mmCIF file of all heavy atoms, coordinates in Angstrom:
data_MODEL
# 
_entry.id   MODEL 
# 
loop_
_atom_site.group_PDB 
_atom_site.id 
_atom_site.type_symbol 
_atom_site.label_atom_id 
_atom_site.label_alt_id 
_atom_site.label_comp_id 
_atom_site.label_asym_id 
_atom_site.label_entity_id 
_atom_site.label_seq_id 
_atom_site.pdbx_PDB_ins_code 
_atom_site.Cartn_x 
_atom_site.Cartn_y 
_atom_site.Cartn_z 
_atom_site.occupancy 
_atom_site.B_iso_or_equiv 
_atom_site.pdbx_formal_charge 
_atom_site.auth_seq_id 
_atom_site.auth_comp_id 
_atom_site.auth_asym_id 
_atom_site.auth_atom_id 
_atom_site.pdbx_PDB_model_num 
ATOM 1   N N   . VAL A 1 1  ? -10.378 4.633   8.718  1.00 0.00 ? 1  VAL A N   1 
ATOM 2   C CA  . VAL A 1 1  ? -10.360 3.415   7.914  1.00 0.00 ? 1  VAL A CA  1 
ATOM 3   C C   . VAL A 1 1  ? -9.215  3.535   6.915  1.00 0.00 ? 1  VAL A C   1 
ATOM 4   O O   . VAL A 1 1  ? -9.103  4.544   6.216  1.00 0.00 ? 1  VAL A O   1 
ATOM 5   C CB  . VAL A 1 1  ? -11.696 3.199   7.170  1.00 0.00 ? 1  VAL A CB  1 
ATOM 6   C CG1 . VAL A 1 1  ? -11.582 2.013   6.213  1.00 0.00 ? 1  VAL A CG1 1 
ATOM 7   C CG2 . VAL A 1 1  ? -12.828 2.975   8.161  1.00 0.00 ? 1  VAL A CG2 1 
ATOM 8   N N   . PHE A 1 2  ? -8.356  2.517   6.874  1.00 0.00 ? 2  PHE A N   1 
ATOM 9   C CA  . PHE A 1 2  ? -7.201  2.537   5.983  1.00 0.00 ? 2  PHE A CA  1 
ATOM 10  C C   . PHE A 1 2  ? -7.351  1.493   4.884  1.00 0.00 ? 2  PHE A C   1 
ATOM 11  O O   . PHE A 1 2  ? -7.600  0.317   5.170  1.00 0.00 ? 2  PHE A O   1 
ATOM 12  C CB  . PHE A 1 2  ? -5.915  2.246   6.755  1.00 0.00 ? 2  PHE A CB  1 
ATOM 13  C CG  . PHE A 1 2  ? -5.452  3.390   7.617  1.00 0.00 ? 2  PHE A CG  1 
ATOM 14  C CD1 . PHE A 1 2  ? -5.953  3.547   8.899  1.00 0.00 ? 2  PHE A CD1 1 
ATOM 15  C CD2 . PHE A 1 2  ? -4.544  4.312   7.135  1.00 0.00 ? 2  PHE A CD2 1 
ATOM 16  C CE1 . PHE A 1 2  ? -5.538  4.596   9.695  1.00 0.00 ? 2  PHE A CE1 1 
ATOM 17  C CE2 . PHE A 1 2  ? -4.117  5.369   7.921  1.00 0.00 ? 2  PHE A CE2 1 
ATOM 18  C CZ  . PHE A 1 2  ? -4.618  5.512   9.205  1.00 0.00 ? 2  PHE A CZ  1 
ATOM 19  N N   . VAL A 1 3  ? -7.202  1.914   3.643  1.00 0.00 ? 3  VAL A N   1 
ATOM 20  C CA  . VAL A 1 3  ? -7.077  0.989   2.520  1.00 0.00 ? 3  VAL A CA  1 
ATOM 21  C C   . VAL A 1 3  ? -5.589  0.685   2.387  1.00 0.00 ? 3  VAL A C   1 
ATOM 22  O O   . VAL A 1 3  ? -4.766  1.578   2.154  1.00 0.00 ? 3  VAL A O   1 
ATOM 23  C CB  . VAL A 1 3  ? -7.628  1.597   1.219  1.00 0.00 ? 3  VAL A CB  1 
ATOM 24  C CG1 . VAL A 1 3  ? -7.401  0.644   0.055  1.00 0.00 ? 3  VAL A CG1 1 
ATOM 25  C CG2 . VAL A 1 3  ? -9.125  1.889   1.371  1.00 0.00 ? 3  VAL A CG2 1 
ATOM 26  N N   . ILE A 1 4  ? -5.235  -0.590  2.550  1.00 0.00 ? 4  ILE A N   1 
ATOM 27  C CA  . ILE A 1 4  ? -3.837  -0.980  2.651  1.00 0.00 ? 4  ILE A CA  1 
ATOM 28  C C   . ILE A 1 4  ? -3.217  -1.215  1.272  1.00 0.00 ? 4  ILE A C   1 
ATOM 29  O O   . ILE A 1 4  ? -3.803  -1.873  0.418  1.00 0.00 ? 4  ILE A O   1 
ATOM 30  C CB  . ILE A 1 4  ? -3.716  -2.260  3.506  1.00 0.00 ? 4  ILE A CB  1 
ATOM 31  C CG1 . ILE A 1 4  ? -4.212  -1.987  4.929  1.00 0.00 ? 4  ILE A CG1 1 
ATOM 32  C CG2 . ILE A 1 4  ? -2.291  -2.766  3.531  1.00 0.00 ? 4  ILE A CG2 1 
ATOM 33  C CD1 . ILE A 1 4  ? -3.499  -0.865  5.635  1.00 0.00 ? 4  ILE A CD1 1 
ATOM 34  N N   . SER A 1 5  ? -2.016  -0.676  1.080  1.00 0.00 ? 5  SER A N   1 
ATOM 35  C CA  . SER A 1 5  ? -1.319  -0.824  -0.196 1.00 0.00 ? 5  SER A CA  1 
ATOM 36  C C   . SER A 1 5  ? -0.150  -1.794  -0.124 1.00 0.00 ? 5  SER A C   1 
ATOM 37  O O   . SER A 1 5  ? 0.354   -2.232  -1.158 1.00 0.00 ? 5  SER A O   1 
ATOM 38  C CB  . SER A 1 5  ? -0.806  0.541   -0.667 1.00 0.00 ? 5  SER A CB  1 
ATOM 39  O OG  . SER A 1 5  ? 0.063   1.105   0.305  1.00 0.00 ? 5  SER A OG  1 
ATOM 40  N N   . ALA A 1 6  ? 0.302   -2.141  1.092  1.00 0.00 ? 6  ALA A N   1 
ATOM 41  C CA  . ALA A 1 6  ? 1.408   -3.082  1.253  1.00 0.00 ? 6  ALA A CA  1 
ATOM 42  C C   . ALA A 1 6  ? 1.323   -3.716  2.628  1.00 0.00 ? 6  ALA A C   1 
ATOM 43  O O   . ALA A 1 6  ? 0.796   -3.125  3.576  1.00 0.00 ? 6  ALA A O   1 
ATOM 44  C CB  . ALA A 1 6  ? 2.756   -2.383  1.079  1.00 0.00 ? 6  ALA A CB  1 
ATOM 45  N N   . ALA A 1 7  ? 1.845   -4.932  2.733  1.00 0.00 ? 7  ALA A N   1 
ATOM 46  C CA  . ALA A 1 7  ? 1.874   -5.657  4.010  1.00 0.00 ? 7  ALA A CA  1 
ATOM 47  C C   . ALA A 1 7  ? 3.321   -5.944  4.374  1.00 0.00 ? 7  ALA A C   1 
ATOM 48  O O   . ALA A 1 7  ? 4.082   -6.474  3.560  1.00 0.00 ? 7  ALA A O   1 
ATOM 49  C CB  . ALA A 1 7  ? 1.072   -6.950  3.909  1.00 0.00 ? 7  ALA A CB  1 
ATOM 50  N N   . VAL A 1 8  ? 3.708   -5.609  5.593  1.00 0.00 ? 8  VAL A N   1 
ATOM 51  C CA  . VAL A 1 8  ? 5.085   -5.766  6.050  1.00 0.00 ? 8  VAL A CA  1 
ATOM 52  C C   . VAL A 1 8  ? 5.089   -6.625  7.310  1.00 0.00 ? 8  VAL A C   1 
ATOM 53  O O   . VAL A 1 8  ? 4.296   -6.403  8.225  1.00 0.00 ? 8  VAL A O   1 
ATOM 54  C CB  . VAL A 1 8  ? 5.729   -4.394  6.347  1.00 0.00 ? 8  VAL A CB  1 
ATOM 55  C CG1 . VAL A 1 8  ? 7.142   -4.574  6.897  1.00 0.00 ? 8  VAL A CG1 1 
ATOM 56  C CG2 . VAL A 1 8  ? 5.743   -3.527  5.091  1.00 0.00 ? 8  VAL A CG2 1 
ATOM 57  N N   . ASP A 1 9  ? 5.996   -7.602  7.364  1.00 0.00 ? 9  ASP A N   1 
ATOM 58  C CA  . ASP A 1 9  ? 6.141   -8.472  8.527  1.00 0.00 ? 9  ASP A CA  1 
ATOM 59  C C   . ASP A 1 9  ? 7.394   -8.045  9.293  1.00 0.00 ? 9  ASP A C   1 
ATOM 60  O O   . ASP A 1 9  ? 8.522   -8.289  8.862  1.00 0.00 ? 9  ASP A O   1 
ATOM 61  C CB  . ASP A 1 9  ? 6.257   -9.929  8.091  1.00 0.00 ? 9  ASP A CB  1 
ATOM 62  C CG  . ASP A 1 9  ? 6.171   -10.896 9.261  1.00 0.00 ? 9  ASP A CG  1 
ATOM 63  O OD1 . ASP A 1 9  ? 6.444   -10.464 10.409 1.00 0.00 ? 9  ASP A OD1 1 
ATOM 64  O OD2 . ASP A 1 9  ? 5.856   -12.077 9.043  1.00 0.00 ? 9  ASP A OD2 1 
ATOM 65  N N   . TYR A 1 10 ? 7.174   -7.399  10.430 1.00 0.00 ? 10 TYR A N   1 
ATOM 66  C CA  . TYR A 1 10 ? 8.275   -6.865  11.238 1.00 0.00 ? 10 TYR A CA  1 
ATOM 67  C C   . TYR A 1 10 ? 9.158   -7.974  11.805 1.00 0.00 ? 10 TYR A C   1 
ATOM 68  O O   . TYR A 1 10 ? 10.326  -7.744  12.130 1.00 0.00 ? 10 TYR A O   1 
ATOM 69  C CB  . TYR A 1 10 ? 7.662   -6.035  12.376 1.00 0.00 ? 10 TYR A CB  1 
ATOM 70  C CG  . TYR A 1 10 ? 8.656   -5.400  13.314 1.00 0.00 ? 10 TYR A CG  1 
ATOM 71  C CD1 . TYR A 1 10 ? 9.441   -4.317  12.896 1.00 0.00 ? 10 TYR A CD1 1 
ATOM 72  C CD2 . TYR A 1 10 ? 8.789   -5.843  14.623 1.00 0.00 ? 10 TYR A CD2 1 
ATOM 73  C CE1 . TYR A 1 10 ? 10.337  -3.714  13.765 1.00 0.00 ? 10 TYR A CE1 1 
ATOM 74  C CE2 . TYR A 1 10 ? 9.684   -5.239  15.502 1.00 0.00 ? 10 TYR A CE2 1 
ATOM 75  C CZ  . TYR A 1 10 ? 10.445  -4.184  15.065 1.00 0.00 ? 10 TYR A CZ  1 
ATOM 76  O OH  . TYR A 1 10 ? 11.329  -3.582  15.920 1.00 0.00 ? 10 TYR A OH  1 
ATOM 77  N N   . ASP A 1 11 ? 8.626   -9.177  11.930 1.00 0.00 ? 11 ASP A N   1 
ATOM 78  C CA  . ASP A 1 11 ? 9.406   -10.274 12.504 1.00 0.00 ? 11 ASP A CA  1 
ATOM 79  C C   . ASP A 1 11 ? 10.504  -10.773 11.568 1.00 0.00 ? 11 ASP A C   1 
ATOM 80  O O   . ASP A 1 11 ? 11.446  -11.437 12.021 1.00 0.00 ? 11 ASP A O   1 
ATOM 81  C CB  . ASP A 1 11 ? 8.496   -11.452 12.862 1.00 0.00 ? 11 ASP A CB  1 
ATOM 82  C CG  . ASP A 1 11 ? 7.638   -11.149 14.078 1.00 0.00 ? 11 ASP A CG  1 
ATOM 83  O OD1 . ASP A 1 11 ? 8.050   -10.291 14.881 1.00 0.00 ? 11 ASP A OD1 1 
ATOM 84  O OD2 . ASP A 1 11 ? 6.568   -11.752 14.213 1.00 0.00 ? 11 ASP A OD2 1 
ATOM 85  N N   . LEU A 1 12 ? 10.373  -10.507 10.281 1.00 0.00 ? 12 LEU A N   1 
ATOM 86  C CA  . LEU A 1 12 ? 11.355  -11.005 9.325  1.00 0.00 ? 12 LEU A CA  1 
ATOM 87  C C   . LEU A 1 12 ? 12.548  -10.054 9.224  1.00 0.00 ? 12 LEU A C   1 
ATOM 88  O O   . LEU A 1 12 ? 12.741  -9.319  8.268  1.00 0.00 ? 12 LEU A O   1 
ATOM 89  C CB  . LEU A 1 12 ? 10.703  -11.226 7.954  1.00 0.00 ? 12 LEU A CB  1 
ATOM 90  C CG  . LEU A 1 12 ? 9.617   -12.313 7.943  1.00 0.00 ? 12 LEU A CG  1 
ATOM 91  C CD1 . LEU A 1 12 ? 9.055   -12.496 6.540  1.00 0.00 ? 12 LEU A CD1 1 
ATOM 92  C CD2 . LEU A 1 12 ? 10.173  -13.639 8.461  1.00 0.00 ? 12 LEU A CD2 1 
ATOM 93  N N   . GLY A 1 13 ? 13.327  -10.068 10.255 1.00 0.00 ? 13 GLY A N   1 
ATOM 94  C CA  . GLY A 1 13 ? 14.534  -9.267  10.371 1.00 0.00 ? 13 GLY A CA  1 
ATOM 95  C C   . GLY A 1 13 ? 15.266  -9.742  11.620 1.00 0.00 ? 13 GLY A C   1 
ATOM 96  O O   . GLY A 1 13 ? 14.961  -10.813 12.150 1.00 0.00 ? 13 GLY A O   1 
ATOM 97  N N   . HIS A 1 14 ? 16.201  -8.965  12.111 1.00 0.00 ? 14 HIS A N   1 
ATOM 98  C CA  . HIS A 1 14 ? 16.935  -9.342  13.311 1.00 0.00 ? 14 HIS A CA  1 
ATOM 99  C C   . HIS A 1 14 ? 16.637  -8.345  14.435 1.00 0.00 ? 14 HIS A C   1 
ATOM 100 O O   . HIS A 1 14 ? 16.789  -7.134  14.260 1.00 0.00 ? 14 HIS A O   1 
ATOM 101 C CB  . HIS A 1 14 ? 18.444  -9.368  13.032 1.00 0.00 ? 14 HIS A CB  1 
ATOM 102 C CG  . HIS A 1 14 ? 18.838  -10.423 12.056 1.00 0.00 ? 14 HIS A CG  1 
ATOM 103 N ND1 . HIS A 1 14 ? 18.748  -11.776 12.329 1.00 0.00 ? 14 HIS A ND1 1 
ATOM 104 C CD2 . HIS A 1 14 ? 19.308  -10.334 10.782 1.00 0.00 ? 14 HIS A CD2 1 
ATOM 105 C CE1 . HIS A 1 14 ? 19.140  -12.469 11.285 1.00 0.00 ? 14 HIS A CE1 1 
ATOM 106 N NE2 . HIS A 1 14 ? 19.493  -11.623 10.322 1.00 0.00 ? 14 HIS A NE2 1 
ATOM 107 N N   . HIS A 1 15 ? 16.211  -8.864  15.577 1.00 0.00 ? 15 HIS A N   1 
ATOM 108 C CA  . HIS A 1 15 ? 15.921  -8.044  16.747 1.00 0.00 ? 15 HIS A CA  1 
ATOM 109 C C   . HIS A 1 15 ? 17.072  -8.166  17.741 1.00 0.00 ? 15 HIS A C   1 
ATOM 110 O O   . HIS A 1 15 ? 17.605  -9.256  17.954 1.00 0.00 ? 15 HIS A O   1 
ATOM 111 C CB  . HIS A 1 15 ? 14.621  -8.500  17.415 1.00 0.00 ? 15 HIS A CB  1 
ATOM 112 C CG  . HIS A 1 15 ? 13.436  -8.409  16.516 1.00 0.00 ? 15 HIS A CG  1 
ATOM 113 N ND1 . HIS A 1 15 ? 12.528  -7.361  16.582 1.00 0.00 ? 15 HIS A ND1 1 
ATOM 114 C CD2 . HIS A 1 15 ? 12.997  -9.205  15.512 1.00 0.00 ? 15 HIS A CD2 1 
ATOM 115 C CE1 . HIS A 1 15 ? 11.593  -7.538  15.672 1.00 0.00 ? 15 HIS A CE1 1 
ATOM 116 N NE2 . HIS A 1 15 ? 11.852  -8.646  15.013 1.00 0.00 ? 15 HIS A NE2 1 
ATOM 117 N N   . ALA A 1 16 ? 17.434  -7.051  18.347 1.00 0.00 ? 16 ALA A N   1 
ATOM 118 C CA  . ALA A 1 16 ? 18.547  -7.040  19.293 1.00 0.00 ? 16 ALA A CA  1 
ATOM 119 C C   . ALA A 1 16 ? 18.061  -6.562  20.659 1.00 0.00 ? 16 ALA A C   1 
ATOM 120 O O   . ALA A 1 16 ? 17.219  -5.664  20.755 1.00 0.00 ? 16 ALA A O   1 
ATOM 121 C CB  . ALA A 1 16 ? 19.662  -6.128  18.800 1.00 0.00 ? 16 ALA A CB  1 
ATOM 122 N N   . ASP A 1 17 ? 18.593  -7.156  21.706 1.00 0.00 ? 17 ASP A N   1 
ATOM 123 C CA  . ASP A 1 17 ? 18.344  -6.709  23.075 1.00 0.00 ? 17 ASP A CA  1 
ATOM 124 C C   . ASP A 1 17 ? 19.345  -5.593  23.385 1.00 0.00 ? 17 ASP A C   1 
ATOM 125 O O   . ASP A 1 17 ? 20.561  -5.822  23.338 1.00 0.00 ? 17 ASP A O   1 
ATOM 126 C CB  . ASP A 1 17 ? 18.533  -7.879  24.045 1.00 0.00 ? 17 ASP A CB  1 
ATOM 127 C CG  . ASP A 1 17 ? 18.158  -7.512  25.469 1.00 0.00 ? 17 ASP A CG  1 
ATOM 128 O OD1 . ASP A 1 17 ? 18.209  -6.317  25.816 1.00 0.00 ? 17 ASP A OD1 1 
ATOM 129 O OD2 . ASP A 1 17 ? 17.821  -8.435  26.239 1.00 0.00 ? 17 ASP A OD2 1 
ATOM 130 N N   . PRO A 1 18 ? 18.853  -4.377  23.683 1.00 0.00 ? 18 PRO A N   1 
ATOM 131 C CA  . PRO A 1 18 ? 19.788  -3.254  23.934 1.00 0.00 ? 18 PRO A CA  1 
ATOM 132 C C   . PRO A 1 18 ? 20.811  -3.565  25.019 1.00 0.00 ? 18 PRO A C   1 
ATOM 133 O O   . PRO A 1 18 ? 21.941  -3.047  24.990 1.00 0.00 ? 18 PRO A O   1 
ATOM 134 C CB  . PRO A 1 18 ? 18.862  -2.120  24.365 1.00 0.00 ? 18 PRO A CB  1 
ATOM 135 C CG  . PRO A 1 18 ? 17.536  -2.461  23.760 1.00 0.00 ? 18 PRO A CG  1 
ATOM 136 C CD  . PRO A 1 18 ? 17.456  -3.965  23.776 1.00 0.00 ? 18 PRO A CD  1 
ATOM 137 N N   . ARG A 1 19 ? 20.460  -4.438  25.972 1.00 0.00 ? 19 ARG A N   1 
ATOM 138 C CA  . ARG A 1 19 ? 21.384  -4.768  27.061 1.00 0.00 ? 19 ARG A CA  1 
ATOM 139 C C   . ARG A 1 19 ? 22.579  -5.579  26.571 1.00 0.00 ? 19 ARG A C   1 
ATOM 140 O O   . ARG A 1 19 ? 23.599  -5.666  27.257 1.00 0.00 ? 19 ARG A O   1 
ATOM 141 C CB  . ARG A 1 19 ? 20.641  -5.540  28.147 1.00 0.00 ? 19 ARG A CB  1 
ATOM 142 C CG  . ARG A 1 19 ? 19.549  -4.720  28.847 1.00 0.00 ? 19 ARG A CG  1 
ATOM 143 C CD  . ARG A 1 19 ? 18.667  -5.598  29.706 1.00 0.00 ? 19 ARG A CD  1 
ATOM 144 N NE  . ARG A 1 19 ? 17.969  -6.603  28.898 1.00 0.00 ? 19 ARG A NE  1 
ATOM 145 C CZ  . ARG A 1 19 ? 17.093  -7.484  29.396 1.00 0.00 ? 19 ARG A CZ  1 
ATOM 146 N NH1 . ARG A 1 19 ? 16.827  -7.486  30.691 1.00 0.00 ? 19 ARG A NH1 1 
ATOM 147 N NH2 . ARG A 1 19 ? 16.503  -8.363  28.595 1.00 0.00 ? 19 ARG A NH2 1 
ATOM 148 N N   . GLU A 1 20 ? 22.453  -6.179  25.395 1.00 0.00 ? 20 GLU A N   1 
ATOM 149 C CA  . GLU A 1 20 ? 23.532  -7.007  24.864 1.00 0.00 ? 20 GLU A CA  1 
ATOM 150 C C   . GLU A 1 20 ? 24.304  -6.305  23.733 1.00 0.00 ? 20 GLU A C   1 
ATOM 151 O O   . GLU A 1 20 ? 25.190  -6.911  23.138 1.00 0.00 ? 20 GLU A O   1 
ATOM 152 C CB  . GLU A 1 20 ? 22.953  -8.332  24.350 1.00 0.00 ? 20 GLU A CB  1 
ATOM 153 C CG  . GLU A 1 20 ? 22.282  -9.163  25.443 1.00 0.00 ? 20 GLU A CG  1 
ATOM 154 C CD  . GLU A 1 20 ? 21.685  -10.450 24.897 1.00 0.00 ? 20 GLU A CD  1 
ATOM 155 O OE1 . GLU A 1 20 ? 21.666  -10.608 23.658 1.00 0.00 ? 20 GLU A OE1 1 
ATOM 156 O OE2 . GLU A 1 20 ? 21.250  -11.288 25.702 1.00 0.00 ? 20 GLU A OE2 1 
ATOM 157 N N   . MET A 1 21 ? 23.952  -5.065  23.469 1.00 0.00 ? 21 MET A N   1 
ATOM 158 C CA  . MET A 1 21 ? 24.602  -4.337  22.374 1.00 0.00 ? 21 MET A CA  1 
ATOM 159 C C   . MET A 1 21 ? 25.821  -3.594  22.907 1.00 0.00 ? 21 MET A C   1 
ATOM 160 O O   . MET A 1 21 ? 25.753  -2.881  23.912 1.00 0.00 ? 21 MET A O   1 
ATOM 161 C CB  . MET A 1 21 ? 23.608  -3.375  21.726 1.00 0.00 ? 21 MET A CB  1 
ATOM 162 C CG  . MET A 1 21 ? 22.405  -4.085  21.095 1.00 0.00 ? 21 MET A CG  1 
ATOM 163 S SD  . MET A 1 21 ? 21.140  -2.962  20.474 1.00 0.00 ? 21 MET A SD  1 
ATOM 164 C CE  . MET A 1 21 ? 22.015  -2.215  19.091 1.00 0.00 ? 21 MET A CE  1 
ATOM 165 N N   . HIS A 1 22 ? 26.956  -3.748  22.237 1.00 0.00 ? 22 HIS A N   1 
ATOM 166 C CA  . HIS A 1 22 ? 28.192  -3.106  22.668 1.00 0.00 ? 22 HIS A CA  1 
ATOM 167 C C   . HIS A 1 22 ? 28.160  -1.602  22.422 1.00 0.00 ? 22 HIS A C   1 
ATOM 168 O O   . HIS A 1 22 ? 28.748  -0.824  23.169 1.00 0.00 ? 22 HIS A O   1 
ATOM 169 C CB  . HIS A 1 22 ? 29.395  -3.722  21.952 1.00 0.00 ? 22 HIS A CB  1 
ATOM 170 C CG  . HIS A 1 22 ? 29.571  -5.185  22.246 1.00 0.00 ? 22 HIS A CG  1 
ATOM 171 N ND1 . HIS A 1 22 ? 29.868  -5.655  23.504 1.00 0.00 ? 22 HIS A ND1 1 
ATOM 172 C CD2 . HIS A 1 22 ? 29.492  -6.289  21.442 1.00 0.00 ? 22 HIS A CD2 1 
ATOM 173 C CE1 . HIS A 1 22 ? 29.969  -6.975  23.474 1.00 0.00 ? 22 HIS A CE1 1 
ATOM 174 N NE2 . HIS A 1 22 ? 29.746  -7.382  22.227 1.00 0.00 ? 22 HIS A NE2 1 
ATOM 175 N N   . GLN A 1 23 ? 27.463  -1.195  21.360 1.00 0.00 ? 23 GLN A N   1 
ATOM 176 C CA  . GLN A 1 23 ? 27.337  0.223   21.056 1.00 0.00 ? 23 GLN A CA  1 
ATOM 177 C C   . GLN A 1 23 ? 25.858  0.614   21.167 1.00 0.00 ? 23 GLN A C   1 
ATOM 178 O O   . GLN A 1 23 ? 24.993  -0.021  20.557 1.00 0.00 ? 23 GLN A O   1 
ATOM 179 C CB  . GLN A 1 23 ? 27.847  0.535   19.646 1.00 0.00 ? 23 GLN A CB  1 
ATOM 180 C CG  . GLN A 1 23 ? 29.346  0.283   19.489 1.00 0.00 ? 23 GLN A CG  1 
ATOM 181 C CD  . GLN A 1 23 ? 29.813  0.633   18.081 1.00 0.00 ? 23 GLN A CD  1 
ATOM 182 O OE1 . GLN A 1 23 ? 29.021  0.711   17.151 1.00 0.00 ? 23 GLN A OE1 1 
ATOM 183 N NE2 . GLN A 1 23 ? 31.114  0.837   17.948 1.00 0.00 ? 23 GLN A NE2 1 
ATOM 184 N N   . GLN A 1 24 ? 25.580  1.641   21.947 1.00 0.00 ? 24 GLN A N   1 
ATOM 185 C CA  . GLN A 1 24 ? 24.205  2.070   22.136 1.00 0.00 ? 24 GLN A CA  1 
ATOM 186 C C   . GLN A 1 24 ? 23.678  2.742   20.855 1.00 0.00 ? 24 GLN A C   1 
ATOM 187 O O   . GLN A 1 24 ? 24.368  3.549   20.233 1.00 0.00 ? 24 GLN A O   1 
ATOM 188 C CB  . GLN A 1 24 ? 24.112  3.056   23.306 1.00 0.00 ? 24 GLN A CB  1 
ATOM 189 C CG  . GLN A 1 24 ? 24.417  2.419   24.653 1.00 0.00 ? 24 GLN A CG  1 
ATOM 190 C CD  . GLN A 1 24 ? 23.444  1.280   24.967 1.00 0.00 ? 24 GLN A CD  1 
ATOM 191 O OE1 . GLN A 1 24 ? 22.241  1.445   24.849 1.00 0.00 ? 24 GLN A OE1 1 
ATOM 192 N NE2 . GLN A 1 24 ? 23.987  0.126   25.341 1.00 0.00 ? 24 GLN A NE2 1 
ATOM 193 N N   . THR A 1 25 ? 22.491  2.368   20.465 1.00 0.00 ? 25 THR A N   1 
ATOM 194 C CA  . THR A 1 25 ? 21.857  2.927   19.279 1.00 0.00 ? 25 THR A CA  1 
ATOM 195 C C   . THR A 1 25 ? 20.356  2.888   19.461 1.00 0.00 ? 25 THR A C   1 
ATOM 196 O O   . THR A 1 25 ? 19.826  2.083   20.237 1.00 0.00 ? 25 THR A O   1 
ATOM 197 C CB  . THR A 1 25 ? 22.246  2.134   18.010 1.00 0.00 ? 25 THR A CB  1 
ATOM 198 O OG1 . THR A 1 25 ? 21.478  2.625   16.904 1.00 0.00 ? 25 THR A OG1 1 
ATOM 199 C CG2 . THR A 1 25 ? 21.970  0.649   18.196 1.00 0.00 ? 25 THR A CG2 1 
ATOM 200 N N   . GLU A 1 26 ? 19.662  3.788   18.783 1.00 0.00 ? 26 GLU A N   1 
ATOM 201 C CA  . GLU A 1 26 ? 18.201  3.795   18.853 1.00 0.00 ? 26 GLU A CA  1 
ATOM 202 C C   . GLU A 1 26 ? 17.615  2.618   18.075 1.00 0.00 ? 26 GLU A C   1 
ATOM 203 O O   . GLU A 1 26 ? 16.469  2.239   18.285 1.00 0.00 ? 26 GLU A O   1 
ATOM 204 C CB  . GLU A 1 26 ? 17.647  5.102   18.301 1.00 0.00 ? 26 GLU A CB  1 
ATOM 205 C CG  . GLU A 1 26 ? 18.008  6.326   19.148 1.00 0.00 ? 26 GLU A CG  1 
ATOM 206 C CD  . GLU A 1 26 ? 17.406  7.593   18.588 1.00 0.00 ? 26 GLU A CD  1 
ATOM 207 O OE1 . GLU A 1 26 ? 16.724  7.507   17.545 1.00 0.00 ? 26 GLU A OE1 1 
ATOM 208 O OE2 . GLU A 1 26 ? 17.609  8.661   19.196 1.00 0.00 ? 26 GLU A OE2 1 
# 
């Protein structure tokens, strides 16, 4: 059971498709 101290929305950023990236990165 986790008592939560912060809420983060992962969608509020920029997502990239690795197939469209000119430089490979993790």
